Protein backbone atom coordinates (compact mmCIF):
# COMPACT_ATOMS: atom_id res chain seq x y z
CA MET A 1 -178.22 -91.41 128.73
CA HIS A 2 -179.40 -94.51 130.61
CA VAL A 3 -183.18 -94.00 130.70
CA GLY A 4 -186.07 -96.02 132.09
CA PHE A 5 -189.53 -95.54 130.61
CA ILE A 6 -192.76 -96.61 132.32
CA GLY A 7 -196.14 -96.49 130.56
CA LEU A 8 -196.36 -97.39 126.88
CA GLY A 9 -199.77 -96.30 125.71
CA ALA A 10 -200.16 -94.50 122.40
CA MET A 11 -198.30 -91.45 123.70
CA GLY A 12 -195.70 -93.24 125.81
CA SER A 13 -194.72 -95.68 123.07
CA ALA A 14 -194.14 -92.87 120.60
CA MET A 15 -192.14 -90.85 123.13
CA ALA A 16 -189.98 -93.80 124.14
CA ALA A 17 -189.29 -94.51 120.46
CA GLN A 18 -188.00 -90.96 120.05
CA LEU A 19 -185.58 -91.50 122.93
CA VAL A 20 -184.32 -94.71 121.35
CA ALA A 21 -183.89 -92.98 117.99
CA ALA A 22 -181.90 -90.21 119.70
CA GLY A 23 -179.37 -92.77 120.90
CA HIS A 24 -180.37 -93.14 124.53
CA GLN A 25 -180.25 -96.55 126.21
CA VAL A 26 -183.90 -97.04 127.09
CA HIS A 27 -185.28 -99.73 129.41
CA VAL A 28 -189.05 -100.00 128.97
CA TRP A 29 -191.83 -101.45 131.12
CA ASN A 30 -195.59 -101.66 130.64
CA ARG A 31 -198.39 -103.63 132.24
CA SER A 32 -199.25 -105.27 128.91
CA PRO A 33 -196.31 -106.83 127.04
CA GLU A 34 -197.20 -105.97 123.43
CA PRO A 35 -195.86 -102.38 123.40
CA VAL A 36 -192.65 -103.58 125.08
CA ALA A 37 -192.10 -106.17 122.35
CA GLU A 38 -192.73 -103.59 119.64
CA LEU A 39 -190.24 -101.13 121.11
CA ALA A 40 -187.68 -103.90 121.55
CA LYS A 41 -187.71 -104.27 117.75
CA GLN A 42 -186.64 -100.63 117.57
CA GLY A 43 -183.76 -101.07 120.02
CA ALA A 44 -185.33 -100.59 123.45
CA LEU A 45 -184.45 -102.96 126.29
CA PRO A 46 -187.36 -104.80 127.94
CA ALA A 47 -187.29 -104.52 131.74
CA ASP A 48 -188.33 -107.34 134.04
CA GLY A 49 -190.23 -104.95 136.27
CA ILE A 50 -190.46 -101.48 137.72
CA ALA A 51 -187.58 -102.13 140.10
CA GLU A 52 -185.24 -102.62 137.15
CA VAL A 53 -186.43 -99.41 135.51
CA LEU A 54 -185.88 -97.50 138.74
CA ARG A 55 -182.19 -98.43 138.62
CA CYS A 56 -181.70 -96.30 135.50
CA ASP A 57 -180.09 -92.86 135.81
CA VAL A 58 -183.32 -91.11 134.81
CA VAL A 59 -186.86 -92.52 134.79
CA VAL A 60 -189.61 -91.13 132.54
CA SER A 61 -193.21 -92.11 133.22
CA MET A 62 -196.31 -91.61 131.07
CA LEU A 63 -199.14 -93.26 132.98
CA ALA A 64 -202.88 -92.81 132.53
CA ASN A 65 -203.94 -91.03 135.71
CA ASP A 66 -203.29 -90.21 139.36
CA ALA A 67 -204.27 -93.69 140.52
CA ALA A 68 -201.74 -95.39 138.24
CA VAL A 69 -198.92 -93.10 139.35
CA GLU A 70 -199.90 -93.54 143.00
CA SER A 71 -200.01 -97.34 142.85
CA LEU A 72 -196.89 -97.91 140.75
CA LEU A 73 -194.49 -95.11 141.62
CA LEU A 74 -195.42 -93.54 144.96
CA ASP A 75 -195.08 -96.62 147.12
CA GLU A 76 -192.64 -95.98 149.98
CA ASP A 77 -190.94 -99.37 149.58
CA VAL A 78 -190.55 -98.90 145.82
CA LEU A 79 -188.98 -95.47 146.27
CA ALA A 80 -186.73 -96.66 149.10
CA ALA A 81 -185.26 -99.36 146.84
CA ALA A 82 -184.83 -97.08 143.81
CA THR A 83 -181.38 -95.84 142.81
CA THR A 84 -182.49 -93.50 140.04
CA GLN A 85 -181.43 -89.88 140.38
CA LEU A 86 -184.44 -88.31 138.68
CA HIS A 87 -188.06 -89.11 137.89
CA VAL A 88 -189.67 -87.11 135.08
CA ASN A 89 -193.43 -87.53 135.27
CA MET A 90 -194.90 -86.59 131.88
CA ALA A 91 -198.47 -87.72 132.55
CA THR A 92 -201.48 -85.46 132.94
CA VAL A 93 -202.05 -85.67 136.68
CA SER A 94 -203.44 -83.36 139.33
CA PRO A 95 -201.36 -80.58 140.88
CA ALA A 96 -202.16 -82.16 144.26
CA LEU A 97 -200.54 -85.43 143.19
CA ALA A 98 -197.50 -83.54 141.90
CA ARG A 99 -197.01 -81.89 145.28
CA ARG A 100 -197.29 -85.23 147.06
CA ALA A 101 -194.94 -86.92 144.59
CA ALA A 102 -192.30 -84.20 144.97
CA ARG A 103 -192.35 -84.55 148.77
CA LEU A 104 -192.07 -88.35 148.65
CA HIS A 105 -189.26 -88.32 146.10
CA ASP A 106 -187.35 -85.73 148.11
CA ARG A 107 -187.69 -87.89 151.23
CA HIS A 108 -185.93 -90.70 149.38
CA GLY A 109 -183.28 -88.54 147.73
CA ILE A 110 -184.78 -88.71 144.23
CA GLY A 111 -185.27 -85.64 142.06
CA TYR A 112 -188.76 -85.04 140.71
CA VAL A 113 -189.80 -83.03 137.67
CA ALA A 114 -193.30 -82.65 136.19
CA ALA A 115 -193.33 -82.38 132.40
CA PRO A 116 -196.78 -83.02 130.86
CA VAL A 117 -197.11 -82.49 127.14
CA LEU A 118 -199.36 -80.85 124.57
CA GLY A 119 -199.93 -82.87 121.40
CA ARG A 120 -201.61 -86.01 120.13
CA PRO A 121 -199.84 -89.33 119.35
CA GLU A 122 -198.96 -88.23 115.82
CA ALA A 123 -197.06 -85.26 117.27
CA ALA A 124 -195.31 -87.58 119.73
CA ALA A 125 -194.30 -89.90 116.88
CA ALA A 126 -192.73 -86.95 115.07
CA GLY A 127 -190.93 -85.62 118.15
CA ASN A 128 -193.09 -82.52 117.86
CA LEU A 129 -194.61 -82.23 121.32
CA THR A 130 -194.77 -79.09 123.42
CA ILE A 131 -193.43 -79.90 126.88
CA LEU A 132 -194.56 -78.04 130.01
CA ALA A 133 -191.79 -78.55 132.56
CA ALA A 134 -191.40 -77.47 136.17
CA GLY A 135 -188.95 -78.39 138.89
CA PRO A 136 -185.54 -77.35 140.22
CA GLU A 137 -183.42 -75.77 137.48
CA ALA A 138 -180.59 -78.28 137.83
CA LEU A 139 -183.03 -81.16 137.33
CA LEU A 140 -184.61 -79.50 134.30
CA ASP A 141 -181.13 -79.07 132.85
CA ARG A 142 -180.47 -82.78 133.35
CA ALA A 143 -183.72 -83.68 131.61
CA THR A 144 -183.23 -81.28 128.70
CA PRO A 145 -181.61 -83.82 126.30
CA LEU A 146 -184.68 -86.03 126.77
CA PHE A 147 -187.06 -83.13 126.21
CA GLU A 148 -185.17 -82.21 123.03
CA ALA A 149 -185.59 -85.76 121.71
CA MET A 150 -189.32 -85.89 122.42
CA GLY A 151 -190.48 -82.35 121.71
CA ARG A 152 -190.01 -79.26 119.60
CA LEU A 153 -190.42 -76.75 122.44
CA THR A 154 -190.08 -76.85 126.22
CA HIS A 155 -191.60 -74.21 128.49
CA ARG A 156 -189.95 -73.92 131.91
CA LEU A 157 -192.66 -72.88 134.35
CA GLY A 158 -190.87 -72.58 137.67
CA GLU A 159 -189.28 -74.69 140.38
CA GLN A 160 -192.49 -76.12 141.84
CA PRO A 161 -193.41 -79.25 139.84
CA GLN A 162 -197.16 -78.81 140.27
CA LEU A 163 -197.09 -75.61 138.20
CA ALA A 164 -196.54 -77.68 135.05
CA ASN A 165 -199.64 -79.69 135.89
CA VAL A 166 -201.63 -76.51 136.50
CA ALA A 167 -200.62 -75.37 133.01
CA LYS A 168 -201.60 -78.69 131.45
CA VAL A 169 -204.95 -78.89 133.21
CA SER A 170 -205.71 -75.30 132.20
CA ALA A 171 -204.66 -75.92 128.59
CA ASN A 172 -206.83 -79.02 128.24
CA PHE A 173 -209.78 -77.18 129.76
CA MET A 174 -209.40 -74.51 127.07
CA LEU A 175 -208.97 -77.13 124.34
CA PHE A 176 -212.18 -78.96 125.23
CA SER A 177 -214.02 -75.66 125.55
CA ALA A 178 -212.96 -74.81 121.99
CA VAL A 179 -214.06 -78.21 120.71
CA GLU A 180 -217.43 -77.80 122.44
CA ALA A 181 -217.84 -74.36 120.86
CA PHE A 182 -217.19 -75.70 117.38
CA ALA A 183 -219.44 -78.74 117.91
CA GLU A 184 -222.34 -76.47 118.84
CA ALA A 185 -221.60 -74.08 115.95
CA ALA A 186 -221.37 -76.98 113.50
CA ALA A 187 -224.72 -78.34 114.69
CA LEU A 188 -226.24 -74.86 114.30
CA ALA A 189 -224.82 -74.58 110.79
CA GLU A 190 -226.03 -78.00 109.65
CA ALA A 191 -229.49 -77.57 111.15
CA SER A 192 -229.72 -74.28 109.25
CA GLY A 193 -228.61 -75.72 105.92
CA LEU A 194 -224.88 -74.87 105.91
CA ALA A 195 -222.38 -77.72 105.60
CA PRO A 196 -220.17 -77.91 108.73
CA ALA A 197 -217.14 -78.38 106.47
CA ASP A 198 -217.86 -75.02 104.83
CA LEU A 199 -218.13 -73.35 108.23
CA LEU A 200 -214.87 -74.95 109.26
CA GLU A 201 -213.09 -73.66 106.17
CA VAL A 202 -214.31 -70.13 106.91
CA LEU A 203 -213.16 -70.27 110.52
CA THR A 204 -209.77 -71.90 110.06
CA SER A 205 -208.81 -69.59 107.18
CA SER A 206 -209.70 -66.44 109.11
CA ILE A 207 -210.40 -65.90 112.79
CA PHE A 208 -209.62 -69.37 114.23
CA PRO A 209 -206.53 -70.85 112.57
CA GLY A 210 -204.54 -73.50 114.38
CA PRO A 211 -204.49 -77.21 115.21
CA VAL A 212 -207.47 -77.37 117.58
CA TYR A 213 -210.13 -76.31 115.09
CA SER A 214 -208.39 -77.74 112.02
CA GLY A 215 -207.88 -81.09 113.79
CA TYR A 216 -210.81 -81.68 116.11
CA GLY A 217 -213.06 -79.46 114.01
CA SER A 218 -212.37 -81.52 110.91
CA MET A 219 -213.27 -84.71 112.77
CA ILE A 220 -216.57 -83.22 113.89
CA ALA A 221 -217.38 -81.72 110.47
CA THR A 222 -216.80 -84.99 108.63
CA GLY A 223 -217.80 -87.50 111.32
CA ARG A 224 -214.47 -89.31 110.87
CA TYR A 225 -213.36 -90.04 114.43
CA GLU A 226 -211.06 -93.00 113.91
CA PRO A 227 -208.50 -93.81 115.10
CA ALA A 228 -209.36 -92.65 118.59
CA ALA A 229 -206.13 -90.92 119.57
CA PHE A 230 -207.62 -89.23 122.67
CA LYS A 231 -210.37 -91.36 124.17
CA LEU A 232 -213.45 -89.78 125.65
CA THR A 233 -212.77 -91.31 129.07
CA LEU A 234 -209.38 -89.57 129.18
CA GLY A 235 -211.06 -86.31 128.23
CA LEU A 236 -213.45 -86.70 131.13
CA LYS A 237 -210.51 -87.38 133.44
CA ASP A 238 -208.87 -84.13 132.36
CA VAL A 239 -212.04 -82.07 132.77
CA ASN A 240 -212.49 -83.52 136.25
CA LEU A 241 -208.89 -82.54 137.02
CA ALA A 242 -209.70 -78.97 135.99
CA LEU A 243 -212.79 -78.93 138.21
CA GLU A 244 -210.89 -80.39 141.17
CA THR A 245 -208.05 -77.90 140.75
CA ALA A 246 -210.56 -75.05 140.48
CA ALA A 247 -212.37 -76.15 143.62
CA GLU A 248 -209.09 -76.26 145.54
CA ALA A 249 -208.35 -72.67 144.43
CA ASN A 250 -211.97 -71.46 144.90
CA VAL A 251 -212.28 -70.62 141.20
CA PRO A 252 -215.66 -71.12 139.44
CA LEU A 253 -215.47 -73.00 136.13
CA PRO A 254 -218.98 -72.85 134.61
CA LEU A 255 -217.75 -74.21 131.29
CA GLY A 256 -216.04 -77.05 133.12
CA SER A 257 -219.33 -78.26 134.52
CA LEU A 258 -220.92 -78.10 131.07
CA LEU A 259 -218.03 -80.06 129.55
CA ARG A 260 -218.21 -82.72 132.25
CA ASP A 261 -221.90 -83.27 131.56
CA THR A 262 -221.32 -83.36 127.79
CA LEU A 263 -218.63 -86.01 128.16
CA LEU A 264 -220.73 -88.02 130.61
CA GLU A 265 -223.60 -87.94 128.13
CA GLY A 266 -221.30 -89.20 125.38
CA ILE A 267 -220.15 -92.05 127.59
CA ALA A 268 -223.75 -92.89 128.49
CA HIS A 269 -224.52 -93.20 124.76
CA GLY A 270 -221.69 -95.68 124.16
CA ASP A 271 -218.87 -93.35 123.07
CA ALA A 272 -216.45 -94.07 125.93
CA ASP A 273 -213.77 -95.58 123.69
CA ARG A 274 -214.28 -93.17 120.79
CA ASP A 275 -212.22 -90.03 120.33
CA VAL A 276 -213.20 -87.12 122.56
CA ALA A 277 -214.26 -85.28 119.39
CA ALA A 278 -216.92 -87.93 118.84
CA GLY A 279 -218.32 -87.57 122.34
CA ILE A 280 -218.54 -83.78 122.08
CA GLY A 281 -219.54 -83.60 118.41
CA GLU A 282 -222.22 -86.25 118.46
CA THR A 283 -223.69 -84.94 121.72
CA ALA A 284 -224.14 -81.53 120.08
CA ARG A 285 -225.83 -83.23 117.11
CA ARG A 286 -228.10 -85.16 119.45
CA HIS A 287 -229.18 -81.94 121.15
CA ALA A 288 -229.90 -80.40 117.74
CA ASN A 289 -231.95 -83.46 116.66
CA LEU A 290 -229.49 -84.21 113.84
CA PRO A 291 -228.74 -87.78 112.73
CA ILE A 292 -226.14 -89.44 114.93
CA ARG A 293 -223.11 -90.82 113.09
CA GLN A 294 -222.34 -94.26 114.46
CA HIS A 295 -219.03 -96.06 114.86
């Protein structure tokens, strides 16, 4: 398939590489040139600009936030000049943006699918993502070969694209809540004389198995937060998305407010570019008057 890919951060680069490895012809564009050059070594085709990417049969985007999608891909003139048949937006954006994007794409005769993902960059590099997809069935069918190259499982969540973003926002809210719970429990354990690593072993081998506690929990237990695969600022963005979505639906999210304040505190103490586990874990230690583990 002739595919354009926009947005080559840690996740996007790994996902685009999977498409290249699967035999697709992939034109790539990014604001900074280094990821483009790296993917070109693997067989991707550097694009001169977004207009060139939007001439591909299908465009996949993995941008940082609503503002990036709005400025780069929701411009009326950009969409009017595009000849692509389908845009698959795989970024974590708000349901409100998804609704607006679907309307704008439809106005210009372009299909729109939302397909955010669950998984960190290492999962993306292994083609092991979980993909949350929503949009018209025929468009999801067209995108399926791409989903199969990038992920291990795709959930189809209906014909309204924003439903995929609702699922992603809800999932990330639960993930951060779980990380917060372990960070507080680990601080309680350490302050009471029990090694956090021992608590983690008990939990992950019994009542809380799975990647969230074994992954993020291990980072918090050991204080090893590098490399920062999911930066604290992106975590704050996702929590704010959950709070905005909840406000629109008149749903209280008490834990969401707590998480927002925890992440803001981490940023205020210089952890903005550290992994989200560092911001949550070290904030819990600070509250418990435990030694803070620096960069």
